[in-house]
Structure formats: structure tokens, C-alpha cells
Amino acid sequence: MFNIGGYNLGNFAIPFVASFFAQAIPFIAMFDMGNSFMVAGTTQAIVETSSKQQKNGFDLRDPLRILLKSPPFVVYVCMVILALIHVKVPDFIIEPLSFIAKGNSFLSLFMIGLFMQVSFKKSGLATIGRVLFFRYTFAFLLALTVYFLFPFSHLVKMVLILILFTPISFLTTIQATQFGVDEGQAGFVSSLSMIISLILMSLIVILL
């Protein structure tokens, strides 16, 4: 449930799409606002409720409680508020943060490598197969919907379709392991999704 939803936009989609369509970055940023709302805590609240760890059923306070404890989501909300009231973050704050942010991709990949194990039970392969099957089947169906039904320009459609095929979010992988999922399975399925997504996204750029 953690790994079927959520998209790796910051470390994968943005560098990939920017190399072909640099002007599409604002569209990815808008999509990431909804994506961050899910991966930063809402998905975790849904999983907790579905797995009956929350005995009193679904409560809207559960995702809010989790989201408010999530630094990425809180920062996102603060930045949106500052943008709406036209307040610019000073350069003396942006410059050191930009330097730190350059290590984000490396740390994310390092985390996946740390979790990745190939010595898990054979039953885990079936779980990994189901996760990847449902994830990319949903992506394919949504991509068809976007391409044939959405009244957007070709560029916007391309960006949305590419986003739908991006790998599993690193944040949901961390949440899954904290929730009790086998670290080897969680890391392995994330790594496989990166390979599959790279191939599919490359084909989409070539064909469309």
C-alpha cells in the first residue's frame, strides 16, 4: 500500500524531465504539491487505518496529526503561504540550504542501497511482483486517460504521463520500513521501480 502510491519527483522526475522539457518544471512542482500531501503522511494514515492499527476507524485528525509532524510537508505549506503573500526568502537563507540540498539525491540513493537485500523469502517476490504490477497498470490506465481525455496542451500531457511512470517515492519506502515492512523487500522494489521507470519514461519520450 505504501509503495503503490507516491511519486519520486525531486530526485528522479525533475532531473529527467528537465533534460528534455526544461519549461515543464512548474507543472511538476504543482503536481508535487498534491504528491507531497500523500507521501508526507496521508498514505501512512490510510495504511494505519486499513491495517486496523487505528481501532476507532478513519479520523481526519489522523492524517493531519501525521502531516504536521512531517518536516517536508510543513516546509511546503510555509513556502506556499510565503508565495501567496509575495514574501521572498532572503538569499542568506537560500544559499546554505541550496548547498545542503545538493546531497539529497545521494542520501536517498544511499538509503535505498542500505535497505536493499536480495536474501529475502521467496514469498516476498510475489509481493514485489504485485506491487509493481498494480503500480504500473494504474499508471498505464491513468496515462491513457490523460492523453485522450484531458483538454491540455501536448507538453502538459507529456509531463503528466512521464510523472505517472516515475519510480516509488523514497519517503514511502522509509515509512514502509518504519511500519514493519521487510527492509530488503522495500529497498528492492524501490530499486526495481527506478530501472523500470527509466526504461518506460525513455520510451514515452521517444514515442510521444
N, C-alpha and C. Protein backbone atom coordinates (compact mmCIF):
# COMPACT_ATOMS: atom_id res chain seq x y z
N MET A 1 0.82 -1.21 0.00
CA MET A 1 0.00 0.00 0.00
C MET A 1 0.86 1.27 0.00
N PHE A 2 1.96 1.24 0.74
CA PHE A 2 2.86 2.39 0.75
C PHE A 2 3.46 2.62 -0.64
N ASN A 3 3.90 1.56 -1.28
CA ASN A 3 4.69 1.68 -2.50
C ASN A 3 3.87 1.76 -3.79
N ILE A 4 2.57 1.48 -3.72
CA ILE A 4 1.75 1.59 -4.93
C ILE A 4 1.50 3.06 -5.26
N GLY A 5 1.35 3.89 -4.26
CA GLY A 5 1.14 5.31 -4.48
C GLY A 5 2.40 6.11 -4.17
N GLY A 6 2.43 7.35 -4.57
CA GLY A 6 3.57 8.22 -4.31
C GLY A 6 4.57 8.20 -5.45
N TYR A 7 5.10 9.37 -5.79
CA TYR A 7 5.99 9.51 -6.93
C TYR A 7 7.30 10.18 -6.52
N ASN A 8 8.40 9.67 -7.06
CA ASN A 8 9.72 10.23 -6.78
C ASN A 8 9.98 11.37 -7.77
N LEU A 9 9.57 12.56 -7.41
CA LEU A 9 9.66 13.70 -8.32
C LEU A 9 10.95 14.49 -8.16
N GLY A 10 11.33 14.79 -6.93
CA GLY A 10 12.50 15.63 -6.71
C GLY A 10 13.80 15.03 -7.19
N ASN A 11 14.00 13.75 -6.92
CA ASN A 11 15.28 13.11 -7.24
C ASN A 11 15.29 12.39 -8.58
N PHE A 12 14.13 12.22 -9.20
CA PHE A 12 14.08 11.46 -10.44
C PHE A 12 13.34 12.22 -11.55
N ALA A 13 12.08 12.56 -11.32
CA ALA A 13 11.27 13.16 -12.38
C ALA A 13 11.81 14.51 -12.83
N ILE A 14 12.16 15.37 -11.89
CA ILE A 14 12.62 16.72 -12.26
C ILE A 14 13.92 16.67 -13.07
N PRO A 15 14.97 15.94 -12.63
CA PRO A 15 16.17 15.87 -13.47
C PRO A 15 15.91 15.25 -14.84
N PHE A 16 15.07 14.22 -14.88
CA PHE A 16 14.79 13.54 -16.14
C PHE A 16 14.03 14.44 -17.09
N VAL A 17 12.92 15.00 -16.62
CA VAL A 17 12.08 15.83 -17.48
C VAL A 17 12.80 17.11 -17.88
N ALA A 18 13.58 17.69 -16.95
CA ALA A 18 14.27 18.94 -17.24
C ALA A 18 15.27 18.78 -18.38
N SER A 19 15.82 17.59 -18.55
CA SER A 19 16.78 17.37 -19.62
C SER A 19 16.12 17.39 -21.00
N PHE A 20 14.79 17.22 -21.04
CA PHE A 20 14.06 17.24 -22.30
C PHE A 20 13.14 18.46 -22.41
N PHE A 21 12.45 18.79 -21.31
CA PHE A 21 11.47 19.88 -21.33
C PHE A 21 11.71 20.77 -20.10
N ALA A 22 12.69 21.65 -20.18
CA ALA A 22 13.02 22.49 -19.03
C ALA A 22 11.86 23.38 -18.63
N GLN A 23 11.04 23.78 -19.61
CA GLN A 23 9.92 24.67 -19.33
C GLN A 23 8.79 23.98 -18.58
N ALA A 24 8.91 22.66 -18.39
CA ALA A 24 7.83 21.90 -17.74
C ALA A 24 7.99 21.80 -16.22
N ILE A 25 9.07 22.33 -15.68
CA ILE A 25 9.31 22.21 -14.24
C ILE A 25 8.17 22.79 -13.39
N PRO A 26 7.59 23.94 -13.75
CA PRO A 26 6.46 24.44 -12.93
C PRO A 26 5.29 23.46 -12.85
N PHE A 27 5.03 22.72 -13.93
CA PHE A 27 3.94 21.75 -13.90
C PHE A 27 4.24 20.62 -12.91
N ILE A 28 5.51 20.18 -12.89
CA ILE A 28 5.90 19.13 -11.95
C ILE A 28 5.77 19.64 -10.52
N ALA A 29 6.15 20.89 -10.30
CA ALA A 29 6.06 21.47 -8.96
C ALA A 29 4.63 21.51 -8.47
N MET A 30 3.70 21.86 -9.37
CA MET A 30 2.28 21.89 -8.99
C MET A 30 1.78 20.49 -8.66
N PHE A 31 2.18 19.52 -9.47
CA PHE A 31 1.79 18.14 -9.21
C PHE A 31 2.37 17.65 -7.88
N ASP A 32 3.58 18.10 -7.58
CA ASP A 32 4.26 17.65 -6.36
C ASP A 32 3.58 18.16 -5.10
N MET A 33 2.81 19.22 -5.22
CA MET A 33 2.09 19.71 -4.04
C MET A 33 1.08 18.67 -3.57
N GLY A 34 0.35 18.08 -4.52
CA GLY A 34 -0.58 17.01 -4.16
C GLY A 34 0.15 15.74 -3.77
N ASN A 35 1.25 15.46 -4.48
CA ASN A 35 2.04 14.27 -4.19
C ASN A 35 2.60 14.32 -2.77
N SER A 36 3.12 15.48 -2.38
CA SER A 36 3.71 15.61 -1.04
C SER A 36 2.66 15.45 0.05
N PHE A 37 1.44 15.90 -0.24
CA PHE A 37 0.36 15.74 0.73
C PHE A 37 0.12 14.26 1.04
N MET A 38 0.26 13.40 0.02
CA MET A 38 0.05 11.97 0.22
C MET A 38 1.27 11.31 0.87
N VAL A 39 2.45 11.49 0.28
CA VAL A 39 3.62 10.74 0.75
C VAL A 39 4.13 11.24 2.09
N ALA A 40 3.80 12.48 2.44
CA ALA A 40 4.31 13.02 3.70
C ALA A 40 3.50 12.58 4.92
N GLY A 41 2.39 11.88 4.70
CA GLY A 41 1.66 11.43 5.88
C GLY A 41 0.28 10.87 5.64
N THR A 42 -0.40 11.34 4.60
CA THR A 42 -1.77 10.88 4.35
C THR A 42 -1.80 9.39 4.04
N THR A 43 -0.86 8.92 3.21
CA THR A 43 -0.79 7.49 2.89
C THR A 43 -0.56 6.67 4.16
N GLN A 44 0.31 7.15 5.02
CA GLN A 44 0.58 6.45 6.27
C GLN A 44 -0.68 6.34 7.12
N ALA A 45 -1.45 7.42 7.18
CA ALA A 45 -2.69 7.39 7.97
C ALA A 45 -3.68 6.40 7.38
N ILE A 46 -3.77 6.34 6.04
CA ILE A 46 -4.68 5.40 5.38
C ILE A 46 -4.25 3.96 5.66
N VAL A 47 -2.94 3.71 5.59
CA VAL A 47 -2.44 2.36 5.84
C VAL A 47 -2.71 1.94 7.29
N GLU A 48 -2.47 2.85 8.22
CA GLU A 48 -2.72 2.54 9.63
C GLU A 48 -4.18 2.17 9.85
N THR A 49 -5.07 2.94 9.22
CA THR A 49 -6.50 2.69 9.39
C THR A 49 -6.89 1.37 8.72
N SER A 50 -6.39 1.13 7.51
CA SER A 50 -6.75 -0.09 6.77
C SER A 50 -6.22 -1.34 7.44
N SER A 51 -5.08 -1.22 8.11
CA SER A 51 -4.49 -2.39 8.77
C SER A 51 -5.02 -2.58 10.19
N LYS A 52 -6.03 -1.76 10.55
CA LYS A 52 -6.73 -1.87 11.84
C LYS A 52 -5.83 -1.53 13.01
N GLN A 53 -4.74 -0.79 12.77
CA GLN A 53 -3.95 -0.30 13.90
C GLN A 53 -4.66 0.86 14.58
N GLN A 54 -5.55 1.51 13.82
CA GLN A 54 -6.41 2.52 14.43
C GLN A 54 -7.77 1.87 14.69
N LYS A 55 -8.09 1.58 15.92
CA LYS A 55 -9.27 0.80 16.26
C LYS A 55 -10.58 1.56 16.09
N ASN A 56 -10.51 2.88 16.08
CA ASN A 56 -11.73 3.66 16.03
C ASN A 56 -12.13 4.09 14.62
N GLY A 57 -11.55 3.46 13.60
CA GLY A 57 -11.88 3.83 12.23
C GLY A 57 -11.13 5.06 11.77
N PHE A 58 -11.43 5.50 10.55
CA PHE A 58 -10.72 6.64 9.97
C PHE A 58 -11.15 7.93 10.63
N ASP A 59 -10.17 8.75 10.96
CA ASP A 59 -10.42 10.04 11.58
C ASP A 59 -9.59 11.07 10.82
N LEU A 60 -10.22 12.16 10.38
CA LEU A 60 -9.49 13.17 9.63
C LEU A 60 -8.33 13.76 10.43
N ARG A 61 -8.40 13.64 11.74
CA ARG A 61 -7.30 14.16 12.55
C ARG A 61 -6.04 13.32 12.42
N ASP A 62 -6.19 12.05 12.00
CA ASP A 62 -5.02 11.18 11.87
C ASP A 62 -4.06 11.67 10.80
N PRO A 63 -4.51 11.90 9.54
CA PRO A 63 -3.55 12.42 8.56
C PRO A 63 -3.02 13.79 8.92
N LEU A 64 -3.87 14.65 9.53
CA LEU A 64 -3.40 15.97 9.92
C LEU A 64 -2.32 15.87 10.99
N ARG A 65 -2.53 14.97 11.94
CA ARG A 65 -1.53 14.78 13.00
C ARG A 65 -0.20 14.33 12.42
N ILE A 66 -0.25 13.40 11.47
CA ILE A 66 0.98 12.88 10.86
C ILE A 66 1.62 13.93 9.96
N LEU A 67 0.80 14.65 9.20
CA LEU A 67 1.34 15.66 8.28
C LEU A 67 2.04 16.79 9.03
N LEU A 68 1.47 17.21 10.13
CA LEU A 68 2.06 18.31 10.89
C LEU A 68 3.37 17.91 11.56
N LYS A 69 3.63 16.61 11.64
CA LYS A 69 4.91 16.12 12.17
C LYS A 69 5.93 15.87 11.07
N SER A 70 5.52 16.10 9.82
CA SER A 70 6.39 15.84 8.68
C SER A 70 7.09 17.12 8.25
N PRO A 71 8.41 17.22 8.42
CA PRO A 71 9.14 18.43 8.01
C PRO A 71 8.95 18.82 6.55
N PRO A 72 9.00 17.85 5.58
CA PRO A 72 8.80 18.27 4.18
C PRO A 72 7.46 18.94 3.94
N PHE A 73 6.40 18.38 4.54
CA PHE A 73 5.07 18.94 4.32
C PHE A 73 4.94 20.31 4.96
N VAL A 74 5.44 20.46 6.17
CA VAL A 74 5.35 21.75 6.87
C VAL A 74 6.11 22.83 6.10
N VAL A 75 7.29 22.48 5.59
CA VAL A 75 8.06 23.43 4.79
C VAL A 75 7.32 23.80 3.52
N TYR A 76 6.71 22.80 2.89
CA TYR A 76 5.93 23.05 1.68
C TYR A 76 4.80 24.05 1.95
N VAL A 77 4.06 23.83 3.01
CA VAL A 77 2.94 24.72 3.34
C VAL A 77 3.45 26.13 3.62
N CYS A 78 4.54 26.22 4.37
CA CYS A 78 5.10 27.54 4.70
C CYS A 78 5.53 28.28 3.43
N MET A 79 6.17 27.56 2.50
CA MET A 79 6.63 28.19 1.27
C MET A 79 5.44 28.63 0.40
N VAL A 80 4.38 27.85 0.38
CA VAL A 80 3.19 28.24 -0.38
C VAL A 80 2.58 29.51 0.21
N ILE A 81 2.52 29.57 1.54
CA ILE A 81 1.97 30.77 2.20
C ILE A 81 2.82 31.99 1.89
N LEU A 82 4.15 31.83 1.95
CA LEU A 82 5.05 32.95 1.65
C LEU A 82 4.88 33.40 0.19
N ALA A 83 4.68 32.43 -0.71
CA ALA A 83 4.50 32.78 -2.12
C ALA A 83 3.18 33.53 -2.34
N LEU A 84 2.14 33.12 -1.63
CA LEU A 84 0.84 33.77 -1.78
C LEU A 84 0.85 35.21 -1.29
N ILE A 85 1.63 35.46 -0.25
CA ILE A 85 1.69 36.84 0.28
C ILE A 85 2.89 37.60 -0.28
N HIS A 86 3.56 37.00 -1.31
CA HIS A 86 4.65 37.65 -2.05
C HIS A 86 5.83 38.02 -1.15
N VAL A 87 6.19 37.09 -0.29
CA VAL A 87 7.36 37.29 0.55
C VAL A 87 8.50 36.43 0.02
N LYS A 88 9.62 37.04 -0.30
CA LYS A 88 10.76 36.33 -0.85
C LYS A 88 11.71 35.92 0.26
N VAL A 89 12.14 34.66 0.22
CA VAL A 89 13.10 34.17 1.22
C VAL A 89 14.45 34.81 0.95
N PRO A 90 15.10 35.40 1.96
CA PRO A 90 16.39 36.07 1.75
C PRO A 90 17.47 35.12 1.22
N ASP A 91 18.40 35.66 0.46
CA ASP A 91 19.47 34.86 -0.14
C ASP A 91 20.36 34.21 0.91
N PHE A 92 20.54 34.88 2.07
CA PHE A 92 21.43 34.31 3.08
C PHE A 92 20.84 33.04 3.70
N ILE A 93 19.54 32.81 3.49
CA ILE A 93 18.91 31.56 3.92
C ILE A 93 18.94 30.54 2.78
N ILE A 94 18.68 31.00 1.56
CA ILE A 94 18.63 30.10 0.40
C ILE A 94 19.99 29.49 0.10
N GLU A 95 21.07 30.26 0.17
CA GLU A 95 22.39 29.78 -0.24
C GLU A 95 22.87 28.58 0.58
N PRO A 96 22.85 28.63 1.92
CA PRO A 96 23.29 27.44 2.67
C PRO A 96 22.35 26.25 2.50
N LEU A 97 21.04 26.52 2.35
CA LEU A 97 20.09 25.43 2.14
C LEU A 97 20.32 24.77 0.78
N SER A 98 20.65 25.56 -0.23
CA SER A 98 20.92 25.01 -1.56
C SER A 98 22.14 24.10 -1.53
N PHE A 99 23.13 24.47 -0.76
CA PHE A 99 24.33 23.63 -0.63
C PHE A 99 23.99 22.30 0.01
N ILE A 100 23.17 22.34 1.05
CA ILE A 100 22.75 21.10 1.74
C ILE A 100 21.88 20.25 0.83
N ALA A 101 21.01 20.91 0.05
CA ALA A 101 20.06 20.18 -0.81
C ALA A 101 20.76 19.37 -1.89
N LYS A 102 21.98 19.75 -2.26
CA LYS A 102 22.70 19.03 -3.31
C LYS A 102 23.01 17.59 -2.90
N GLY A 103 23.02 17.33 -1.59
CA GLY A 103 23.29 15.98 -1.12
C GLY A 103 22.06 15.11 -1.02
N ASN A 104 20.88 15.67 -1.37
CA ASN A 104 19.63 14.94 -1.20
C ASN A 104 19.56 13.68 -2.06
N SER A 105 19.93 13.80 -3.33
CA SER A 105 19.87 12.65 -4.24
C SER A 105 20.80 11.54 -3.79
N PHE A 106 22.02 11.93 -3.39
CA PHE A 106 22.98 10.92 -2.94
C PHE A 106 22.47 10.20 -1.70
N LEU A 107 21.94 10.95 -0.74
CA LEU A 107 21.46 10.34 0.50
C LEU A 107 20.28 9.42 0.24
N SER A 108 19.40 9.81 -0.67
CA SER A 108 18.25 8.97 -1.00
C SER A 108 18.69 7.66 -1.62
N LEU A 109 19.61 7.73 -2.58
CA LEU A 109 20.12 6.52 -3.22
C LEU A 109 20.90 5.67 -2.24
N PHE A 110 21.63 6.32 -1.34
CA PHE A 110 22.38 5.59 -0.31
C PHE A 110 21.42 4.83 0.60
N MET A 111 20.30 5.47 0.93
CA MET A 111 19.31 4.82 1.79
C MET A 111 18.73 3.58 1.12
N ILE A 112 18.42 3.70 -0.20
CA ILE A 112 17.90 2.55 -0.93
C ILE A 112 18.92 1.43 -0.95
N GLY A 113 20.17 1.77 -1.19
CA GLY A 113 21.23 0.76 -1.20
C GLY A 113 21.40 0.12 0.16
N LEU A 114 21.21 0.90 1.22
CA LEU A 114 21.33 0.37 2.57
C LEU A 114 20.24 -0.64 2.88
N PHE A 115 19.03 -0.36 2.40
CA PHE A 115 17.90 -1.24 2.64
C PHE A 115 17.88 -2.45 1.71
N MET A 116 18.46 -2.30 0.54
CA MET A 116 18.31 -3.32 -0.49
C MET A 116 19.02 -4.61 -0.10
N GLN A 117 18.28 -5.69 -0.15
CA GLN A 117 18.80 -7.02 0.11
C GLN A 117 18.17 -7.98 -0.90
N VAL A 118 18.93 -8.95 -1.32
CA VAL A 118 18.38 -9.96 -2.24
C VAL A 118 18.15 -11.28 -1.52
N SER A 119 18.41 -11.31 -0.24
CA SER A 119 18.25 -12.55 0.53
C SER A 119 16.99 -12.48 1.38
N PHE A 120 15.83 -12.41 0.71
CA PHE A 120 14.56 -12.45 1.43
C PHE A 120 13.78 -13.67 0.98
N LYS A 121 12.70 -13.95 1.67
CA LYS A 121 11.93 -15.15 1.39
C LYS A 121 11.32 -15.10 -0.01
N LYS A 122 11.15 -16.29 -0.60
CA LYS A 122 10.58 -16.36 -1.94
C LYS A 122 9.17 -15.77 -1.99
N SER A 123 8.46 -15.85 -0.86
CA SER A 123 7.12 -15.27 -0.82
C SER A 123 7.17 -13.76 -1.04
N GLY A 124 8.33 -13.16 -0.73
CA GLY A 124 8.48 -11.73 -0.93
C GLY A 124 8.47 -11.34 -2.40
N LEU A 125 8.91 -12.26 -3.27
CA LEU A 125 8.90 -11.97 -4.71
C LEU A 125 7.48 -11.77 -5.22
N ALA A 126 6.55 -12.54 -4.69
CA ALA A 126 5.15 -12.40 -5.10
C ALA A 126 4.62 -11.02 -4.69
N THR A 127 4.98 -10.58 -3.50
CA THR A 127 4.55 -9.27 -3.03
C THR A 127 5.14 -8.16 -3.90
N ILE A 128 6.43 -8.29 -4.19
CA ILE A 128 7.09 -7.30 -5.04
C ILE A 128 6.45 -7.27 -6.42
N GLY A 129 6.15 -8.45 -6.96
CA GLY A 129 5.51 -8.52 -8.27
C GLY A 129 4.15 -7.86 -8.27
N ARG A 130 3.36 -8.07 -7.21
CA ARG A 130 2.03 -7.45 -7.13
C ARG A 130 2.14 -5.93 -7.05
N VAL A 131 3.07 -5.46 -6.24
CA VAL A 131 3.24 -4.00 -6.09
C VAL A 131 3.57 -3.37 -7.44
N LEU A 132 4.54 -3.92 -8.14
CA LEU A 132 4.95 -3.36 -9.43
C LEU A 132 3.85 -3.50 -10.47
N PHE A 133 3.15 -4.63 -10.45
CA PHE A 133 2.06 -4.84 -11.42
C PHE A 133 0.95 -3.81 -11.24
N PHE A 134 0.48 -3.64 -10.01
CA PHE A 134 -0.60 -2.69 -9.76
C PHE A 134 -0.13 -1.26 -10.03
N ARG A 135 1.09 -0.94 -9.61
CA ARG A 135 1.58 0.43 -9.78
C ARG A 135 1.63 0.82 -11.26
N TYR A 136 2.22 -0.02 -12.08
CA TYR A 136 2.39 0.34 -13.48
C TYR A 136 1.12 0.11 -14.30
N THR A 137 0.25 -0.79 -13.86
CA THR A 137 -1.05 -0.92 -14.51
C THR A 137 -1.89 0.33 -14.30
N PHE A 138 -1.92 0.82 -13.06
CA PHE A 138 -2.64 2.06 -12.78
C PHE A 138 -2.03 3.22 -13.56
N ALA A 139 -0.69 3.25 -13.64
CA ALA A 139 -0.02 4.33 -14.36
C ALA A 139 -0.42 4.31 -15.84
N PHE A 140 -0.49 3.11 -16.42
CA PHE A 140 -0.86 2.99 -17.83
C PHE A 140 -2.30 3.46 -18.06
N LEU A 141 -3.21 3.06 -17.19
CA LEU A 141 -4.61 3.46 -17.33
C LEU A 141 -4.78 4.96 -17.15
N LEU A 142 -4.09 5.52 -16.18
CA LEU A 142 -4.16 6.97 -15.97
C LEU A 142 -3.53 7.73 -17.13
N ALA A 143 -2.44 7.17 -17.69
CA ALA A 143 -1.79 7.82 -18.83
C ALA A 143 -2.73 7.88 -20.03
N LEU A 144 -3.47 6.80 -20.27
CA LEU A 144 -4.45 6.80 -21.36
C LEU A 144 -5.53 7.85 -21.13
N THR A 145 -5.96 7.96 -19.87
CA THR A 145 -6.98 8.96 -19.52
C THR A 145 -6.46 10.37 -19.79
N VAL A 146 -5.23 10.63 -19.35
CA VAL A 146 -4.64 11.95 -19.56
C VAL A 146 -4.50 12.27 -21.05
N TYR A 147 -4.01 11.31 -21.81
CA TYR A 147 -3.71 11.56 -23.23
C TYR A 147 -4.97 11.77 -24.07
N PHE A 148 -6.01 11.00 -23.79
CA PHE A 148 -7.19 11.05 -24.65
C PHE A 148 -8.32 11.93 -24.12
N LEU A 149 -8.36 12.21 -22.83
CA LEU A 149 -9.49 12.92 -22.26
C LEU A 149 -9.17 14.30 -21.71
N PHE A 150 -7.95 14.54 -21.27
CA PHE A 150 -7.63 15.83 -20.65
C PHE A 150 -7.47 16.92 -21.71
N PRO A 151 -8.09 18.07 -21.51
CA PRO A 151 -8.02 19.17 -22.50
C PRO A 151 -6.79 20.04 -22.31
N PHE A 152 -5.61 19.44 -22.22
CA PHE A 152 -4.37 20.18 -22.01
C PHE A 152 -3.53 20.21 -23.28
N SER A 153 -2.51 21.05 -23.28
CA SER A 153 -1.58 21.08 -24.40
C SER A 153 -0.77 19.79 -24.43
N HIS A 154 -0.11 19.55 -25.54
CA HIS A 154 0.67 18.33 -25.68
C HIS A 154 1.81 18.28 -24.66
N LEU A 155 2.41 19.42 -24.37
CA LEU A 155 3.51 19.46 -23.40
C LEU A 155 3.03 19.05 -22.02
N VAL A 156 1.91 19.60 -21.58
CA VAL A 156 1.37 19.27 -20.26
C VAL A 156 1.01 17.80 -20.18
N LYS A 157 0.41 17.28 -21.23
CA LYS A 157 0.07 15.85 -21.25
C LYS A 157 1.33 15.00 -21.14
N MET A 158 2.38 15.38 -21.86
CA MET A 158 3.64 14.64 -21.82
C MET A 158 4.20 14.61 -20.40
N VAL A 159 4.19 15.76 -19.76
CA VAL A 159 4.74 15.86 -18.40
C VAL A 159 3.94 14.99 -17.43
N LEU A 160 2.62 15.07 -17.52
CA LEU A 160 1.77 14.28 -16.62
C LEU A 160 1.98 12.78 -16.83
N ILE A 161 2.09 12.37 -18.09
CA ILE A 161 2.30 10.95 -18.38
C ILE A 161 3.65 10.49 -17.85
N LEU A 162 4.69 11.31 -18.02
CA LEU A 162 6.01 10.96 -17.50
C LEU A 162 5.99 10.84 -15.98
N ILE A 163 5.28 11.77 -15.34
CA ILE A 163 5.19 11.74 -13.88
C ILE A 163 4.53 10.45 -13.40
N LEU A 164 3.50 10.02 -14.11
CA LEU A 164 2.77 8.81 -13.70
C LEU A 164 3.65 7.57 -13.71
N PHE A 165 4.72 7.59 -14.50
CA PHE A 165 5.60 6.43 -14.59
C PHE A 165 6.89 6.60 -13.80
N THR A 166 6.96 7.61 -12.94
CA THR A 166 8.14 7.79 -12.12
C THR A 166 8.22 6.71 -11.05
N PRO A 167 9.42 6.48 -10.49
CA PRO A 167 9.60 5.39 -9.50
C PRO A 167 8.88 5.66 -8.19
N ILE A 168 8.95 4.68 -7.33
CA ILE A 168 8.37 4.76 -5.99
C ILE A 168 9.09 5.84 -5.18
N SER A 169 8.34 6.59 -4.42
CA SER A 169 8.92 7.65 -3.60
C SER A 169 9.82 7.06 -2.52
N PHE A 170 10.98 7.68 -2.32
CA PHE A 170 11.88 7.24 -1.25
C PHE A 170 11.24 7.40 0.12
N LEU A 171 10.43 8.44 0.27
CA LEU A 171 9.80 8.70 1.57
C LEU A 171 8.85 7.59 1.95
N THR A 172 8.08 7.06 0.99
CA THR A 172 7.17 5.96 1.32
C THR A 172 7.94 4.68 1.64
N THR A 173 9.13 4.53 1.05
CA THR A 173 9.97 3.37 1.39
C THR A 173 10.41 3.43 2.84
N ILE A 174 10.80 4.63 3.28
CA ILE A 174 11.19 4.80 4.69
C ILE A 174 10.00 4.52 5.60
N GLN A 175 8.84 5.07 5.24
CA GLN A 175 7.64 4.85 6.06
C GLN A 175 7.28 3.38 6.13
N ALA A 176 7.43 2.67 5.01
CA ALA A 176 7.09 1.25 4.98
C ALA A 176 7.98 0.46 5.93
N THR A 177 9.28 0.76 5.95
CA THR A 177 10.19 0.03 6.84
C THR A 177 9.91 0.38 8.30
N GLN A 178 9.55 1.63 8.56
CA GLN A 178 9.20 2.02 9.93
C GLN A 178 7.92 1.32 10.37
N PHE A 179 7.07 1.02 9.42
CA PHE A 179 5.78 0.39 9.71
C PHE A 179 5.92 -1.11 9.94
N GLY A 180 7.09 -1.67 9.59
CA GLY A 180 7.33 -3.09 9.83
C GLY A 180 7.55 -3.91 8.57
N VAL A 181 7.52 -3.27 7.39
CA VAL A 181 7.77 -4.00 6.15
C VAL A 181 9.23 -4.43 6.10
N ASP A 182 9.50 -5.60 5.53
CA ASP A 182 10.86 -6.10 5.40
C ASP A 182 11.72 -5.09 4.64
N GLU A 183 12.86 -4.71 5.22
CA GLU A 183 13.71 -3.69 4.61
C GLU A 183 14.22 -4.14 3.24
N GLY A 184 14.56 -5.43 3.13
CA GLY A 184 15.06 -5.94 1.86
C GLY A 184 14.03 -5.82 0.76
N GLN A 185 12.79 -6.17 1.06
CA GLN A 185 11.72 -6.08 0.06
C GLN A 185 11.46 -4.63 -0.32
N ALA A 186 11.38 -3.75 0.68
CA ALA A 186 11.08 -2.34 0.42
C ALA A 186 12.17 -1.70 -0.43
N GLY A 187 13.43 -1.97 -0.10
CA GLY A 187 14.53 -1.42 -0.87
C GLY A 187 14.62 -2.00 -2.26
N PHE A 188 14.37 -3.32 -2.37
CA PHE A 188 14.48 -3.99 -3.66
C PHE A 188 13.41 -3.52 -4.63
N VAL A 189 12.17 -3.39 -4.15
CA VAL A 189 11.09 -2.95 -5.04
C VAL A 189 11.31 -1.50 -5.48
N SER A 190 11.88 -0.66 -4.61
CA SER A 190 12.18 0.72 -5.00
C SER A 190 13.26 0.76 -6.07
N SER A 191 14.28 -0.06 -5.90
CA SER A 191 15.36 -0.11 -6.88
C SER A 191 14.86 -0.62 -8.23
N LEU A 192 14.04 -1.66 -8.20
CA LEU A 192 13.47 -2.18 -9.45
C LEU A 192 12.60 -1.13 -10.14
N SER A 193 11.84 -0.38 -9.34
CA SER A 193 10.96 0.63 -9.94
C SER A 193 11.77 1.71 -10.65
N MET A 194 12.97 2.02 -10.14
CA MET A 194 13.80 3.01 -10.81
C MET A 194 14.25 2.52 -12.18
N ILE A 195 14.63 1.25 -12.26
CA ILE A 195 15.05 0.69 -13.55
C ILE A 195 13.89 0.64 -14.53
N ILE A 196 12.75 0.14 -14.05
CA ILE A 196 11.56 0.04 -14.92
C ILE A 196 11.11 1.42 -15.38
N SER A 197 11.08 2.37 -14.46
CA SER A 197 10.63 3.72 -14.80
C SER A 197 11.56 4.39 -15.80
N LEU A 198 12.86 4.20 -15.62
CA LEU A 198 13.81 4.80 -16.55
C LEU A 198 13.58 4.29 -17.97
N ILE A 199 13.33 3.00 -18.11
CA ILE A 199 13.08 2.41 -19.43
C ILE A 199 11.76 2.93 -20.01
N LEU A 200 10.70 2.91 -19.20
CA LEU A 200 9.38 3.32 -19.70
C LEU A 200 9.34 4.81 -20.03
N MET A 201 9.93 5.63 -19.17
CA MET A 201 9.92 7.07 -19.42
C MET A 201 10.73 7.43 -20.66
N SER A 202 11.82 6.71 -20.88
CA SER A 202 12.61 6.94 -22.10
C SER A 202 11.81 6.58 -23.34
N LEU A 203 11.07 5.46 -23.27
CA LEU A 203 10.23 5.06 -24.39
C LEU A 203 9.13 6.08 -24.67
N ILE A 204 8.57 6.63 -23.59
CA ILE A 204 7.50 7.62 -23.75
C ILE A 204 8.02 8.86 -24.48
N VAL A 205 9.21 9.33 -24.09
CA VAL A 205 9.80 10.50 -24.74
C VAL A 205 10.05 10.22 -26.22
N ILE A 206 10.52 9.01 -26.53
CA ILE A 206 10.82 8.64 -27.92
C ILE A 206 9.54 8.52 -28.75
N LEU A 207 8.51 7.90 -28.18
CA LEU A 207 7.30 7.61 -28.94
C LEU A 207 6.34 8.79 -29.05
N LEU A 208 6.31 9.62 -28.00
CA LEU A 208 5.34 10.73 -27.99
C LEU A 208 5.97 12.07 -28.34
